[in-house]
Structures are given as structure tokens and as C-alpha cells.
Amino acid sequence: MSDYSVYELLNRKRRGAPLEPREIEFFIDGYTRGSIPDYQMSALLMAIAINGMTGTEMATLTQAMLRSGEQWHLRDSYDFIADKHSTGGVGDKVSLVLSPWVAACGVKSGMLSGRGLGHTGGTLDKLEAIPGFNARLSRAEFERCVHEVLCVISTSTEGIAPADKKIYALRDVTGTVESLPLITASIMSKKLAMGASALILDVKTGSGAFMRKYQDSKALAQSLIAAAEGSGTKVEALITDMDRPLGVAAGNANEIIETIEVLKGNGPADVEEVTRQQCIRILVMSGQFDDASAKAALDEALKSGRALEQARKWIAAQGGNPEVVDNYALLAQPRTAVEVKAPRSGFITAIDTYQAGMFTVDLGAGRKKADDQIDYAAGVMFDRKTGDEVKAGDVIARVQLGKKEFDPEELRTRFLSFVEIRDEAPAERPLVHEHLS
């Protein structure tokens, strides 16, 4: 590829003019190989964050980033294999329930997931709360799990979209994280590099979502679907609610317990429903089910205990102790729990879910920096949720403490600072807002 003037490309993008596909490819290739320095990439990221990108530019950026590393072409190895991505939230354990539940219906899934950073929990951190669970699989181990138990969740290997890893680190320190084209390219370069047959996107909206406003969440979902155009991966999205924590548990070990309870048919209704809707889309996309037969298959897998049995096999296949399914004492236990009581009677009208997530992080259940250690025992149990009626003195939450010491009164005060209790019940919000394909 002939060399372009980096200076001229930066000037054009700064003025808001679109870049040609070849120019974007030149920039990403040069940056990945080290011939374009951080300061010039930072300038391009800021110009993109301010001026946006056309659909063509966004698709090219995604393709250039995915081509910077390995491409797995999973759909060439299987009749059908699904992937899933969530934009993240508080108490979001959907992937953990979905994998064995879909597998129990005979449909394969393989996911490369992330760790928690900021207010959102990480799927891999939750799984690593299971003694022995190995989330760092090689490509061969990944494929072995798909072959043996029809499902796998692993960390992204170094070879997948290395351009994204370099660019992501820059976005974090240059104030360009919240740019629609950059979010789109980051998510889809990793997902499309896997080359699954189908991908279901769980795009969150509300106070605990990356995109708080509904229109922004919808724009992101549409952008992610558009970026997959021509890739060979069929993509659908569900916009789901993150204006309240999902389920009761937020943390790591406590979310593993809640996951198993859902698979036993005893879990919170919201987790089961949001997961079920995504499972239905995957089963329908496989071509083996329509909506009605997918729902019937999922119900049967849950009632018969096959989904739970599949979870046991999956945990064992990735080196974890499958006995956690029957013995929660094998998981890290909180040292103590601080009860938070309702200061007045009324209805819980709001829980600022972003603040709730940061509260959980500060307990030790999440990370502020990439190298922070996770305390698997720490977390929060949201015993009462938005919309619930409470009496003064009712326990609305239990704050589970692990290794760190805290003043119980300070914890209670901080928790109540992001919970609103009023006389009137709030308007109901749907769990699943919209389905886009």
C-alpha cells in the first residue's frame, strides 16, 4: 500500500471530511505495526469522536481492526455456532445462564468475553469465582469445549484484533471512549474475527448502561448491526433495561449462585426473562426452531433439569469444580453482611444503577484499574427493586463484605444516596424494549 501523508489525513478528518477505505486501512495497519505513533493515533481518535464517521468509514474501520490479527472462521467448522455480546451493566449474568441453557437445546455457542472495568461486572471474573475454572483457553481448548459440551466462554486471545487492544488503551486516556464509531469498531472487530454463524447483541439502556438514553442505545444497536454487513455473521439485537440492577445479586460469587438458581428454576424472574428472550433469538437464528418451538424447548430444558446438568458439564470441561452447583459453600463466602433498611415507607422509584455499580466496585467486586485484584466474596444483594413497595425499616439490601474493612454506617448512607423512595409507584419499564434485526 502506498504511503499516505498522516498529517494530511488528520487534517481532513479534523475538518469533518470522510476518509477513503484505503486510508483507514493504512492508518490502522501503520499503528498496529508501530510506524504511526500514539500521538497521531490519539489525534485521529479525537477527530472521529468529534466529527463521527460515515457508515462506510465505520465498516472499514471495523474490518481493518479485525484483519489486524487472527480470524477464526468458526462457522466453517460447525453447522451452526452462536455468539453473544452485552454492552454491560450491573448484575448482568445473562451469558452465564444462556450458554448451558442453549446447549441443553442442542445449539452450540462460543464466546470470547471480557473482564469488568468501571461500573460493569466482567463475565470472566464471575466465572473465575468458581474454584479451578479456566477462562484462558487456547484455540484448541476452546474448540474442544464446543465439541464436548456445546458451549464455552473464554478470554479473547492475544491474536484477536490486536489493533483494538492498542486503540482501546488510548481511548481510555484521551477521553474518546464514548464515541459511537469507536465503540462499534471495538466490539464488532473482536466479534466478527471469531466468525460465528450468528451473533445476538444485548444493548443496555438506562442509568446503568453505557448509553443511558434510549435513542443512543438504539443508535448503537443499529450501528453494530450495520458494521456486520457482508461479514457472513447474522446479527440481531435486543435493547434491554439497565435502569435497575438485573436480578438480586451484583458481585462475583453471589452472581454464580444466582446463575445456578435460575438454571434450577428458582432464580429472579427478570434474569430468567431477559436470558430467555436472547436464547429464543439464538435458537430461531439456528434455523432449527421457530419462536413457539424455541420457547417450548427452553421451558423443557429448564423443567427437566437438562440445563442445570449442562452447566455441570460445562464447568467441568473448563476445569472448574462442578460440585458448586450443589454446594455453594465451595465459593468464596462474605465475612459479614451489612443490612440497609428503608428510611421511610413508600415505593422505590429509582436506583441509580451506575452509582450502584461503582459502590459494588469499591467493595472489591470490580476494578478501577486493569490490574486491580477481584474480591470474589464482596457484592450486594438488592433485596428490593425499583417499583417495590416498602415499609420503613424493611431490609432493602444486604452489602456483602469480603477482605476490606468498612464503616457500616457509611455504607448504609452511601447506598441510600442513590436510592429514591417516594409516595407514588413509578411507571413500569419493560425488561426488553425492542428487537432489531
Foldseek 3Di string as FASTA:
>chain_A
DDDDDLVVVLVCLLVLHADDLVVLLNVLLCVLVPVDDLVSLLSNLVSCQVNPHDLVSLLSNLQSLQVSFAFAQVVVVDVAEEEEEEQFFFLQQLVLLQQLLLLLLVHAYEYAWDAFAALGHTNVLQLPLFPFFAQADDPVLRVVLCVQLRYHYHHQDCGGRVSLVVVVVSCVPSVNPLGLSNVLSSVNSRVLSHNGQEYEYEQEEDLGGSHPDPVVSVVSQVSNQSSCPPSNYHYKYWYFYRQWHAFFWGFHLVSVLLSLCVLQVNHDPLSVVVSLVRSLVSVVSSVPDHSVVSSVSSVCCSVVSVSNVSSLVSRVSRGGHSCCSVPSVSGAAFPAKQFAWAQAWAFFAGFSRSLQSVLQVVLQRHDNDPPRHHFRHWIKGQQDIQQDTHHGGHGRMIGGHHDDDDDSVVSNVSRVVRIDGDHDHYDDDDRTDDMGD
